[in-house]
Amino acid sequence: MSNENKITSKILNKLHTPQLLDELVNKLSFSEINSLLMDLFSQITENIIPEDILKSYSSNYFVKPSSIDTIDYHKLEVEVLSEAKEEGIIPIILSPLALLGCCSSIATVNQNKIISALRGTEILSDPTNMLAVYIADGLKSGTINRTNNEIHICTTHRLTRVQAQYYPGQVPHFGLFCMVSSGKDTGSYDFERKAIKKHIGLYKTFLEIKFQGKILLEIQHRAGYKDSNGFFERISGYIHKEFQDTQIVVTDKDLMNSYYKGINIKIFLIIGEQTLEIGDAGFVDWTQKLLSSKKERMFISAMALDRLLM
């Protein structure tokens, strides 16, 4: 039993209602649970006074500001979004909220790592999930036209994640630049090669010019792709050929990691003697799940903005 389950059991036993959680989940509708929680939080906040807020602020690391320079951070956002737009990658602004269960149902991320909220939402913890939902909804409704079998969108977002442990001075929110490319399988891994070229090419150009360094790519084999070994061999060969002036290493790390499919590309920036891991990329099956189509293909990537400014 996990620590979370132990705590829940202890609370329910204290209330002498050991079956309460099961009854809430199985006997109430989602809207009824939402109404119940709204009333619960409303009653709790009626007893909170300003002095309580100040006291809570000193101990709650979720609400502390970042130490990153504000102007430098927003300049970096504008620069990378502008570069992406010039390459035909459309910038959009996401909501601070995501759909409840968006990460755990699409990307198999434990819900306990995410801050769940009311009204069927959660605090956005991975922009690529909602970019995938945005694309899938647009394709289904006809509001998005996937010209030439491709759509490329990007965003920057400050997101929050719940970690098992925090260190002094660390805050649980950080900034990411994310890209998502969507297409269909047309054979010969045509979409896959084009998506990798667009994403990795952008990171290479932007980082090497902006920070006067060199990028390093670490290619990791992943399961979950049809003809996994053949796919990895052909795609890794393509990456070596396309980015001949880039240092590339191939590793076999955790083949059973289910987040990415077929391949995971780790992106490092080398400046002098320092090597920083600043992003990663890979193929996911999210639009296959959302649109119930095995022909759907999606490539995602993300770059840590805070880490580049530290």
C-alpha atoms as a PDB file:
ATOM      1  CA  MET A   1       0.000   0.000   0.000  1.00  0.00           C
ATOM      2  CA  SER A   2       1.349   3.452  -0.940  1.00  0.00           C
ATOM      3  CA  ASN A   3       1.836   6.254   1.589  1.00  0.00           C
ATOM      4  CA  GLU A   4      -1.118   8.113   0.016  1.00  0.00           C
ATOM      5  CA  ASN A   5      -3.383   5.084   0.472  1.00  0.00           C
ATOM      6  CA  LYS A   6      -2.226   4.660   4.062  1.00  0.00           C
ATOM      7  CA  ILE A   7      -3.017   8.281   4.857  1.00  0.00           C
ATOM      8  CA  THR A   8      -6.448   8.013   3.230  1.00  0.00           C
ATOM      9  CA  SER A   9      -7.237   4.837   5.177  1.00  0.00           C
ATOM     10  CA  LYS A  10      -6.173   6.499   8.403  1.00  0.00           C
ATOM     11  CA  ILE A  11      -8.449   9.499   7.741  1.00  0.00           C
ATOM     12  CA  LEU A  12     -11.456   7.326   6.837  1.00  0.00           C
ATOM     13  CA  ASN A  13     -10.999   5.188   9.932  1.00  0.00           C
ATOM     14  CA  LYS A  14     -10.827   8.348  12.039  1.00  0.00           C
ATOM     15  CA  LEU A  15     -14.217   9.346  10.601  1.00  0.00           C
ATOM     16  CA  HIS A  16     -15.528   5.805  11.152  1.00  0.00           C
ATOM     17  CA  THR A  17     -16.394   5.641   7.426  1.00  0.00           C
ATOM     18  CA  PRO A  18     -13.890   3.213   5.868  1.00  0.00           C
ATOM     19  CA  GLN A  19     -16.024   2.830   2.696  1.00  0.00           C
ATOM     20  CA  LEU A  20     -16.635   6.548   2.173  1.00  0.00           C
ATOM     21  CA  LEU A  21     -14.180   6.957  -0.722  1.00  0.00           C
ATOM     22  CA  ASP A  22     -15.627   4.003  -2.641  1.00  0.00           C
ATOM     23  CA  GLU A  23     -19.158   5.266  -2.092  1.00  0.00           C
ATOM     24  CA  LEU A  24     -18.304   8.770  -3.298  1.00  0.00           C
ATOM     25  CA  VAL A  25     -16.648   7.431  -6.448  1.00  0.00           C
ATOM     26  CA  ASN A  26     -19.238   4.772  -7.292  1.00  0.00           C
ATOM     27  CA  LYS A  27     -22.512   6.335  -6.133  1.00  0.00           C
ATOM     28  CA  LEU A  28     -22.101  10.009  -7.067  1.00  0.00           C
ATOM     29  CA  SER A  29     -21.817  11.559 -10.507  1.00  0.00           C
ATOM     30  CA  PHE A  30     -18.827  13.704 -11.422  1.00  0.00           C
ATOM     31  CA  SER A  31     -20.897  16.894 -11.160  1.00  0.00           C
ATOM     32  CA  GLU A  32     -22.207  15.849  -7.730  1.00  0.00           C
ATOM     33  CA  ILE A  33     -18.661  15.254  -6.465  1.00  0.00           C
ATOM     34  CA  ASN A  34     -17.627  18.650  -7.860  1.00  0.00           C
ATOM     35  CA  SER A  35     -20.532  20.370  -6.037  1.00  0.00           C
ATOM     36  CA  LEU A  36     -19.629  18.580  -2.821  1.00  0.00           C
ATOM     37  CA  LEU A  37     -15.996  19.646  -3.021  1.00  0.00           C
ATOM     38  CA  MET A  38     -16.918  23.238  -3.893  1.00  0.00           C
ATOM     39  CA  ASP A  39     -19.091  23.450  -0.783  1.00  0.00           C
ATOM     40  CA  LEU A  40     -16.346  21.822   1.314  1.00  0.00           C
ATOM     41  CA  PHE A  41     -13.721  24.365   0.229  1.00  0.00           C
ATOM     42  CA  SER A  42     -16.198  27.212   0.613  1.00  0.00           C
ATOM     43  CA  GLN A  43     -16.832  26.273   4.237  1.00  0.00           C
ATOM     44  CA  ILE A  44     -13.111  25.812   4.924  1.00  0.00           C
ATOM     45  CA  THR A  45     -12.219  29.248   3.533  1.00  0.00           C
ATOM     46  CA  GLU A  46     -14.938  30.935   5.622  1.00  0.00           C
ATOM     47  CA  ASN A  47     -12.730  30.314   8.656  1.00  0.00           C
ATOM     48  CA  ILE A  48      -9.506  31.592   7.070  1.00  0.00           C
ATOM     49  CA  ILE A  49      -8.315  35.040   8.167  1.00  0.00           C
ATOM     50  CA  PRO A  50      -5.529  37.208   6.650  1.00  0.00           C
ATOM     51  CA  GLU A  51      -3.096  36.177   9.376  1.00  0.00           C
ATOM     52  CA  ASP A  52      -3.584  32.537   8.320  1.00  0.00           C
ATOM     53  CA  ILE A  53      -2.718  33.445   4.732  1.00  0.00           C
ATOM     54  CA  LEU A  54       0.573  35.034   5.737  1.00  0.00           C
ATOM     55  CA  LYS A  55       1.444  32.097   7.975  1.00  0.00           C
ATOM     56  CA  SER A  56       0.679  29.612   5.198  1.00  0.00           C
ATOM     57  CA  TYR A  57       2.743  31.570   2.675  1.00  0.00           C
ATOM     58  CA  SER A  58       5.909  31.100   4.712  1.00  0.00           C
ATOM     59  CA  SER A  59       5.617  27.302   4.580  1.00  0.00           C
ATOM     60  CA  ASN A  60       3.888  26.582   1.255  1.00  0.00           C
ATOM     61  CA  TYR A  61       6.504  26.208  -1.482  1.00  0.00           C
ATOM     62  CA  PHE A  62       3.845  25.953  -4.225  1.00  0.00           C
ATOM     63  CA  VAL A  63       3.157  29.706  -4.085  1.00  0.00           C
ATOM     64  CA  LYS A  64       6.710  31.061  -3.849  1.00  0.00           C
ATOM     65  CA  PRO A  65       8.082  33.111  -6.790  1.00  0.00           C
ATOM     66  CA  SER A  66      10.978  31.947  -8.917  1.00  0.00           C
ATOM     67  CA  SER A  67      14.413  33.517  -8.592  1.00  0.00           C
ATOM     68  CA  ILE A  68      14.816  33.637 -12.394  1.00  0.00           C
ATOM     69  CA  ASP A  69      15.261  37.165 -13.807  1.00  0.00           C
ATOM     70  CA  THR A  70      11.816  38.231 -15.030  1.00  0.00           C
ATOM     71  CA  ILE A  71      12.954  40.291 -18.032  1.00  0.00           C
ATOM     72  CA  ASP A  72      15.451  37.681 -19.240  1.00  0.00           C
ATOM     73  CA  TYR A  73      12.801  34.967 -18.922  1.00  0.00           C
ATOM     74  CA  HIS A  74      10.197  36.773 -21.017  1.00  0.00           C
ATOM     75  CA  LYS A  75      12.810  37.837 -23.579  1.00  0.00           C
ATOM     76  CA  LEU A  76      13.786  34.174 -23.988  1.00  0.00           C
ATOM     77  CA  GLU A  77      10.125  33.238 -24.465  1.00  0.00           C
ATOM     78  CA  VAL A  78       9.677  35.837 -27.209  1.00  0.00           C
ATOM     79  CA  GLU A  79      12.911  34.862 -28.944  1.00  0.00           C
ATOM     80  CA  VAL A  80      12.200  31.126 -29.134  1.00  0.00           C
ATOM     81  CA  LEU A  81       8.526  31.615 -30.088  1.00  0.00           C
ATOM     82  CA  SER A  82       9.542  34.061 -32.825  1.00  0.00           C
ATOM     83  CA  GLU A  83      12.126  31.609 -34.168  1.00  0.00           C
ATOM     84  CA  ALA A  84       9.525  28.829 -34.154  1.00  0.00           C
ATOM     85  CA  LYS A  85       6.972  30.973 -35.986  1.00  0.00           C
ATOM     86  CA  GLU A  86       9.512  31.738 -38.716  1.00  0.00           C
ATOM     87  CA  GLU A  87       9.907  27.971 -39.184  1.00  0.00           C
ATOM     88  CA  GLY A  88       6.151  27.493 -39.633  1.00  0.00           C
ATOM     89  CA  ILE A  89       5.430  26.313 -36.088  1.00  0.00           C
ATOM     90  CA  ILE A  90       2.308  28.115 -34.889  1.00  0.00           C
ATOM     91  CA  PRO A  91       2.463  29.614 -31.357  1.00  0.00           C
ATOM     92  CA  ILE A  92      -0.670  29.432 -29.202  1.00  0.00           C
ATOM     93  CA  ILE A  93      -1.463  30.398 -25.586  1.00  0.00           C
ATOM     94  CA  LEU A  94      -2.823  27.599 -23.417  1.00  0.00           C
ATOM     95  CA  SER A  95      -5.108  27.942 -20.408  1.00  0.00           C
ATOM     96  CA  PRO A  96      -3.445  27.658 -16.973  1.00  0.00           C
ATOM     97  CA  LEU A  97      -5.820  24.714 -16.426  1.00  0.00           C
ATOM     98  CA  ALA A  98      -5.966  21.314 -18.100  1.00  0.00           C
ATOM     99  CA  LEU A  99      -8.736  18.741 -18.183  1.00  0.00           C
ATOM    100  CA  LEU A 100      -8.843  16.542 -15.082  1.00  0.00           C
ATOM    101  CA  GLY A 101      -7.051  13.278 -15.892  1.00  0.00           C
ATOM    102  CA  CYS A 102      -5.432  14.687 -19.016  1.00  0.00           C
ATOM    103  CA  CYS A 103      -1.939  13.479 -18.069  1.00  0.00           C
ATOM    104  CA  SER A 104      -2.871  10.281 -16.265  1.00  0.00           C
ATOM    105  CA  SER A 105      -5.197   8.988 -18.994  1.00  0.00           C
ATOM    106  CA  ILE A 106      -3.247  10.065 -22.093  1.00  0.00           C
ATOM    107  CA  ALA A 107       0.365   9.876 -20.950  1.00  0.00           C
ATOM    108  CA  THR A 108       0.056   7.391 -18.049  1.00  0.00           C
ATOM    109  CA  VAL A 109       1.401   9.870 -15.455  1.00  0.00           C
ATOM    110  CA  ASN A 110       0.418   9.232 -11.827  1.00  0.00           C
ATOM    111  CA  GLN A 111      -2.367  11.645 -10.832  1.00  0.00           C
ATOM    112  CA  ASN A 112      -0.676  12.172  -7.443  1.00  0.00           C
ATOM    113  CA  LYS A 113       2.084  14.117  -9.232  1.00  0.00           C
ATOM    114  CA  ILE A 114      -0.517  16.621 -10.454  1.00  0.00           C
ATOM    115  CA  ILE A 115      -2.511  19.268  -8.571  1.00  0.00           C
ATOM    116  CA  SER A 116      -6.151  18.309  -9.161  1.00  0.00           C
ATOM    117  CA  ALA A 117      -8.724  21.113  -9.094  1.00  0.00           C
ATOM    118  CA  LEU A 118     -12.484  21.668  -9.268  1.00  0.00           C
ATOM    119  CA  ARG A 119     -14.835  22.003 -12.266  1.00  0.00           C
ATOM    120  CA  GLY A 120     -13.274  19.052 -14.072  1.00  0.00           C
ATOM    121  CA  THR A 121      -9.796  20.561 -14.211  1.00  0.00           C
ATOM    122  CA  GLU A 122      -6.251  20.224 -12.913  1.00  0.00           C
ATOM    123  CA  ILE A 123      -3.312  22.623 -12.843  1.00  0.00           C
ATOM    124  CA  LEU A 124      -1.476  22.315 -16.149  1.00  0.00           C
ATOM    125  CA  SER A 125       1.572  20.109 -15.587  1.00  0.00           C
ATOM    126  CA  ASP A 126       2.442  19.165 -19.185  1.00  0.00           C
ATOM    127  CA  PRO A 127       1.514  21.520 -22.060  1.00  0.00           C
ATOM    128  CA  THR A 128       2.094  18.823 -24.689  1.00  0.00           C
ATOM    129  CA  ASN A 129      -0.926  16.855 -23.406  1.00  0.00           C
ATOM    130  CA  MET A 130      -3.291  19.779 -23.947  1.00  0.00           C
ATOM    131  CA  LEU A 131      -1.683  20.641 -27.292  1.00  0.00           C
ATOM    132  CA  ALA A 132      -2.496  17.056 -28.334  1.00  0.00           C
ATOM    133  CA  VAL A 133      -6.112  17.470 -27.160  1.00  0.00           C
ATOM    134  CA  TYR A 134      -6.321  20.806 -29.001  1.00  0.00           C
ATOM    135  CA  ILE A 135      -5.144  19.181 -32.240  1.00  0.00           C
ATOM    136  CA  ALA A 136      -7.380  16.114 -31.873  1.00  0.00           C
ATOM    137  CA  ASP A 137     -10.438  18.285 -31.206  1.00  0.00           C
ATOM    138  CA  GLY A 138      -9.617  20.486 -34.190  1.00  0.00           C
ATOM    139  CA  LEU A 139      -9.166  17.514 -36.519  1.00  0.00           C
ATOM    140  CA  LYS A 140     -12.404  15.921 -35.333  1.00  0.00           C
ATOM    141  CA  SER A 141     -14.444  19.132 -35.614  1.00  0.00           C
ATOM    142  CA  GLY A 142     -12.832  20.249 -38.865  1.00  0.00           C
ATOM    143  CA  THR A 143     -11.512  23.519 -37.426  1.00  0.00           C
ATOM    144  CA  ILE A 144      -7.918  22.417 -38.046  1.00  0.00           C
ATOM    145  CA  ASN A 145      -6.729  21.678 -41.566  1.00  0.00           C
ATOM    146  CA  ARG A 146      -3.677  19.447 -41.514  1.00  0.00           C
ATOM    147  CA  THR A 147      -2.127  20.882 -44.675  1.00  0.00           C
ATOM    148  CA  ASN A 148       0.315  18.515 -46.438  1.00  0.00           C
ATOM    149  CA  ASN A 149      -0.371  15.942 -43.688  1.00  0.00           C
ATOM    150  CA  GLU A 150       1.366  18.077 -41.077  1.00  0.00           C
ATOM    151  CA  ILE A 151       0.512  20.541 -38.336  1.00  0.00           C
ATOM    152  CA  HIS A 152       3.130  22.071 -36.062  1.00  0.00           C
ATOM    153  CA  ILE A 153       2.226  24.125 -32.977  1.00  0.00           C
ATOM    154  CA  CYS A 154       4.166  25.411 -29.989  1.00  0.00           C
ATOM    155  CA  THR A 155       3.748  27.259 -26.723  1.00  0.00           C
ATOM    156  CA  THR A 156       5.591  28.486 -23.665  1.00  0.00           C
ATOM    157  CA  HIS A 157       4.036  27.850 -20.298  1.00  0.00           C
ATOM    158  CA  ARG A 158       4.828  28.029 -16.605  1.00  0.00           C
ATOM    159  CA  LEU A 159       3.702  24.753 -15.089  1.00  0.00           C
ATOM    160  CA  THR A 160       3.537  23.152 -11.663  1.00  0.00           C
ATOM    161  CA  ARG A 161       4.323  19.567 -10.712  1.00  0.00           C
ATOM    162  CA  VAL A 162       4.202  17.758  -7.379  1.00  0.00           C
ATOM    163  CA  GLN A 163       7.541  16.140  -6.603  1.00  0.00           C
ATOM    164  CA  ALA A 164       8.374  13.714  -3.817  1.00  0.00           C
ATOM    165  CA  GLN A 165      10.986  16.060  -2.372  1.00  0.00           C
ATOM    166  CA  TYR A 166      11.982  19.706  -2.639  1.00  0.00           C
ATOM    167  CA  TYR A 167      15.254  21.337  -1.729  1.00  0.00           C
ATOM    168  CA  PRO A 168      15.885  24.749  -0.140  1.00  0.00           C
ATOM    169  CA  GLY A 169      15.339  27.497  -2.699  1.00  0.00           C
ATOM    170  CA  GLN A 170      13.653  25.176  -5.189  1.00  0.00           C
ATOM    171  CA  VAL A 171      10.146  25.974  -6.422  1.00  0.00           C
ATOM    172  CA  PRO A 172       7.753  23.442  -8.014  1.00  0.00           C
ATOM    173  CA  HIS A 173       6.894  25.662 -10.978  1.00  0.00           C
ATOM    174  CA  PHE A 174       9.080  26.168 -14.023  1.00  0.00           C
ATOM    175  CA  GLY A 175       8.918  27.336 -17.621  1.00  0.00           C
ATOM    176  CA  LEU A 176       8.918  25.163 -20.734  1.00  0.00           C
ATOM    177  CA  PHE A 177       8.937  25.761 -24.454  1.00  0.00           C
ATOM    178  CA  CYS A 178       7.025  22.914 -26.122  1.00  0.00           C
ATOM    179  CA  MET A 179       6.415  21.819 -29.706  1.00  0.00           C
ATOM    180  CA  VAL A 180       3.927  19.255 -31.011  1.00  0.00           C
ATOM    181  CA  SER A 181       3.756  17.923 -34.568  1.00  0.00           C
ATOM    182  CA  SER A 182       0.816  15.888 -35.869  1.00  0.00           C
ATOM    183  CA  GLY A 183       0.441  13.849 -39.034  1.00  0.00           C
ATOM    184  CA  LYS A 184      -0.575  10.479 -40.464  1.00  0.00           C
ATOM    185  CA  ASP A 185       1.419   7.414 -41.391  1.00  0.00           C
ATOM    186  CA  THR A 186       2.051   7.579 -45.138  1.00  0.00           C
ATOM    187  CA  GLY A 187       4.797   4.959 -45.249  1.00  0.00           C
ATOM    188  CA  SER A 188       8.601   4.980 -45.142  1.00  0.00           C
ATOM    189  CA  TYR A 189       8.486   6.929 -41.836  1.00  0.00           C
ATOM    190  CA  ASP A 190       8.082  10.103 -43.889  1.00  0.00           C
ATOM    191  CA  PHE A 191       6.246  12.072 -41.187  1.00  0.00           C
ATOM    192  CA  GLU A 192       8.618  10.837 -38.499  1.00  0.00           C
ATOM    193  CA  ARG A 193      11.692  12.069 -40.366  1.00  0.00           C
ATOM    194  CA  LYS A 194      10.146  15.466 -41.172  1.00  0.00           C
ATOM    195  CA  ALA A 195       9.044  16.035 -37.568  1.00  0.00           C
ATOM    196  CA  ILE A 196      12.468  15.195 -36.147  1.00  0.00           C
ATOM    197  CA  LYS A 197      14.173  17.501 -38.646  1.00  0.00           C
ATOM    198  CA  LYS A 198      11.849  20.398 -37.777  1.00  0.00           C
ATOM    199  CA  HIS A 199      12.110  20.032 -33.982  1.00  0.00           C
ATOM    200  CA  ILE A 200      15.781  19.169 -33.578  1.00  0.00           C
ATOM    201  CA  GLY A 201      16.735  21.635 -36.302  1.00  0.00           C
ATOM    202  CA  LEU A 202      15.013  24.455 -34.416  1.00  0.00           C
ATOM    203  CA  TYR A 203      16.682  23.600 -31.115  1.00  0.00           C
ATOM    204  CA  LYS A 204      20.078  23.292 -32.774  1.00  0.00           C
ATOM    205  CA  THR A 205      19.847  26.617 -34.601  1.00  0.00           C
ATOM    206  CA  PHE A 206      18.370  28.557 -31.686  1.00  0.00           C
ATOM    207  CA  LEU A 207      20.585  27.197 -28.912  1.00  0.00           C
ATOM    208  CA  GLU A 208      23.873  27.279 -30.775  1.00  0.00           C
ATOM    209  CA  ILE A 209      23.358  30.880 -31.928  1.00  0.00           C
ATOM    210  CA  LYS A 210      21.757  32.193 -28.731  1.00  0.00           C
ATOM    211  CA  PHE A 211      24.141  30.565 -26.250  1.00  0.00           C
ATOM    212  CA  GLN A 212      27.249  30.128 -28.410  1.00  0.00           C
ATOM    213  CA  GLY A 213      27.493  26.432 -27.611  1.00  0.00           C
ATOM    214  CA  LYS A 214      26.954  23.051 -29.230  1.00  0.00           C
ATOM    215  CA  ILE A 215      24.112  20.610 -28.734  1.00  0.00           C
ATOM    216  CA  LEU A 216      24.555  16.927 -27.979  1.00  0.00           C
ATOM    217  CA  LEU A 217      21.841  14.375 -28.757  1.00  0.00           C
ATOM    218  CA  GLU A 218      21.423  11.187 -26.739  1.00  0.00           C
ATOM    219  CA  ILE A 219      19.231   8.689 -28.588  1.00  0.00           C
ATOM    220  CA  GLN A 220      17.453   6.087 -26.478  1.00  0.00           C
ATOM    221  CA  HIS A 221      15.612   3.031 -27.783  1.00  0.00           C
ATOM    222  CA  ARG A 222      11.989   2.713 -26.648  1.00  0.00           C
ATOM    223  CA  ALA A 223       9.415  -0.039 -27.079  1.00  0.00           C
ATOM    224  CA  GLY A 224       5.858   0.499 -28.312  1.00  0.00           C
ATOM    225  CA  TYR A 225       6.456   1.131 -32.022  1.00  0.00           C
ATOM    226  CA  LYS A 226       5.623  -1.359 -34.778  1.00  0.00           C
ATOM    227  CA  ASP A 227       8.852  -3.151 -35.724  1.00  0.00           C
ATOM    228  CA  SER A 228      10.555  -1.392 -32.825  1.00  0.00           C
ATOM    229  CA  ASN A 229      14.097  -2.514 -33.665  1.00  0.00           C
ATOM    230  CA  GLY A 230      13.789  -1.741 -37.370  1.00  0.00           C
ATOM    231  CA  PHE A 231      12.197   1.628 -36.632  1.00  0.00           C
ATOM    232  CA  PHE A 232      14.942   2.603 -34.198  1.00  0.00           C
ATOM    233  CA  GLU A 233      17.680   1.545 -36.615  1.00  0.00           C
ATOM    234  CA  ARG A 234      16.253   3.573 -39.504  1.00  0.00           C
ATOM    235  CA  ILE A 235      15.382   6.681 -37.495  1.00  0.00           C
ATOM    236  CA  SER A 236      18.666   6.777 -35.565  1.00  0.00           C
ATOM    237  CA  GLY A 237      20.474   6.368 -38.897  1.00  0.00           C
ATOM    238  CA  TYR A 238      18.499   9.288 -40.309  1.00  0.00           C
ATOM    239  CA  ILE A 239      19.406  11.480 -37.315  1.00  0.00           C
ATOM    240  CA  HIS A 240      23.110  10.707 -37.766  1.00  0.00           C
ATOM    241  CA  LYS A 241      22.870  11.571 -41.465  1.00  0.00           C
ATOM    242  CA  GLU A 242      20.780  14.745 -41.045  1.00  0.00           C
ATOM    243  CA  PHE A 243      22.836  16.202 -38.169  1.00  0.00           C
ATOM    244  CA  GLN A 244      26.353  15.164 -39.181  1.00  0.00           C
ATOM    245  CA  ASP A 245      28.023  18.087 -37.392  1.00  0.00           C
ATOM    246  CA  THR A 246      26.288  17.245 -34.093  1.00  0.00           C
ATOM    247  CA  GLN A 247      27.644  14.976 -31.377  1.00  0.00           C
ATOM    248  CA  ILE A 248      25.297  11.978 -31.065  1.00  0.00           C
ATOM    249  CA  VAL A 249      25.403   9.074 -28.625  1.00  0.00           C
ATOM    250  CA  VAL A 250      23.141   6.017 -28.589  1.00  0.00           C
ATOM    251  CA  THR A 251      22.144   4.350 -25.316  1.00  0.00           C
ATOM    252  CA  ASP A 252      19.759   1.606 -24.229  1.00  0.00           C
ATOM    253  CA  LYS A 253      18.063   3.076 -21.160  1.00  0.00           C
ATOM    254  CA  ASP A 254      14.841   1.646 -19.726  1.00  0.00           C
ATOM    255  CA  LEU A 255      13.318   0.169 -22.878  1.00  0.00           C
ATOM    256  CA  MET A 256      10.027  -0.385 -21.044  1.00  0.00           C
ATOM    257  CA  ASN A 257       9.503   3.321 -20.344  1.00  0.00           C
ATOM    258  CA  SER A 258       6.016   3.802 -21.786  1.00  0.00           C
ATOM    259  CA  TYR A 259       5.955   7.598 -22.208  1.00  0.00           C
ATOM    260  CA  TYR A 260       7.705   7.751 -25.585  1.00  0.00           C
ATOM    261  CA  LYS A 261       7.275   5.231 -28.395  1.00  0.00           C
ATOM    262  CA  GLY A 262      10.130   3.883 -30.493  1.00  0.00           C
ATOM    263  CA  ILE A 263      12.717   6.523 -29.664  1.00  0.00           C
ATOM    264  CA  ASN A 264      13.527   9.174 -27.067  1.00  0.00           C
ATOM    265  CA  ILE A 265      15.929  11.985 -27.942  1.00  0.00           C
ATOM    266  CA  LYS A 266      17.592  13.770 -25.034  1.00  0.00           C
ATOM    267  CA  ILE A 267      18.922  17.250 -25.854  1.00  0.00           C
ATOM    268  CA  PHE A 268      22.011  18.647 -24.124  1.00  0.00           C
ATOM    269  CA  LEU A 269      23.741  22.005 -24.494  1.00  0.00           C
ATOM    270  CA  ILE A 270      27.523  22.116 -24.197  1.00  0.00           C
ATOM    271  CA  ILE A 271      29.041  25.482 -23.250  1.00  0.00           C
ATOM    272  CA  GLY A 272      32.756  25.304 -22.519  1.00  0.00           C
ATOM    273  CA  GLU A 273      33.271  22.582 -19.905  1.00  0.00           C
ATOM    274  CA  GLN A 274      29.599  22.541 -18.854  1.00  0.00           C
ATOM    275  CA  THR A 275      27.005  20.111 -20.238  1.00  0.00           C
ATOM    276  CA  LEU A 276      23.349  20.848 -19.457  1.00  0.00           C
ATOM    277  CA  GLU A 277      20.382  18.585 -20.169  1.00  0.00           C
ATOM    278  CA  ILE A 278      17.818  21.081 -21.418  1.00  0.00           C
ATOM    279  CA  GLY A 279      15.158  19.065 -23.214  1.00  0.00           C
ATOM    280  CA  ASP A 280      13.891  15.892 -24.767  1.00  0.00           C
ATOM    281  CA  ALA A 281      11.696  14.683 -27.606  1.00  0.00           C
ATOM    282  CA  GLY A 282       9.979  11.579 -28.904  1.00  0.00           C
ATOM    283  CA  PHE A 283       6.954   9.987 -30.515  1.00  0.00           C
ATOM    284  CA  VAL A 284       3.724   9.427 -28.553  1.00  0.00           C
ATOM    285  CA  ASP A 285       0.450   7.614 -29.282  1.00  0.00           C
ATOM    286  CA  TRP A 286      -1.854  10.272 -27.840  1.00  0.00           C
ATOM    287  CA  THR A 287      -3.763  11.174 -31.015  1.00  0.00           C
ATOM    288  CA  GLN A 288      -4.112   7.467 -31.768  1.00  0.00           C
ATOM    289  CA  LYS A 289      -5.940   7.148 -28.444  1.00  0.00           C
ATOM    290  CA  LEU A 290      -7.924  10.379 -28.761  1.00  0.00           C
ATOM    291  CA  LEU A 291      -9.059   9.785 -32.353  1.00  0.00           C
ATOM    292  CA  SER A 292      -9.130   5.962 -32.270  1.00  0.00           C
ATOM    293  CA  SER A 293      -6.896   5.751 -35.343  1.00  0.00           C
ATOM    294  CA  LYS A 294      -3.709   3.707 -35.627  1.00  0.00           C
ATOM    295  CA  LYS A 295      -2.659   5.853 -38.591  1.00  0.00           C
ATOM    296  CA  GLU A 296      -2.184   8.954 -36.420  1.00  0.00           C
ATOM    297  CA  ARG A 297       1.376  10.036 -35.638  1.00  0.00           C
ATOM    298  CA  MET A 298       2.606  12.627 -33.122  1.00  0.00           C
ATOM    299  CA  PHE A 299       6.037  13.948 -32.192  1.00  0.00           C
ATOM    300  CA  ILE A 300       6.551  16.145 -29.125  1.00  0.00           C
ATOM    301  CA  SER A 301       9.474  18.006 -27.611  1.00  0.00           C
ATOM    302  CA  ALA A 302      10.165  20.410 -24.773  1.00  0.00           C
ATOM    303  CA  MET A 303      12.986  22.691 -23.610  1.00  0.00           C
ATOM    304  CA  ALA A 304      13.500  23.920 -20.025  1.00  0.00           C
ATOM    305  CA  LEU A 305      13.653  27.716 -20.097  1.00  0.00           C
ATOM    306  CA  ASP A 306      14.575  28.212 -16.436  1.00  0.00           C
ATOM    307  CA  ARG A 307      17.568  25.892 -16.746  1.00  0.00           C
ATOM    308  CA  LEU A 308      18.939  27.931 -19.643  1.00  0.00           C
ATOM    309  CA  LEU A 309      18.863  31.097 -17.494  1.00  0.00           C
ATOM    310  CA  MET A 310      20.343  29.685 -14.286  1.00  0.00           C
END
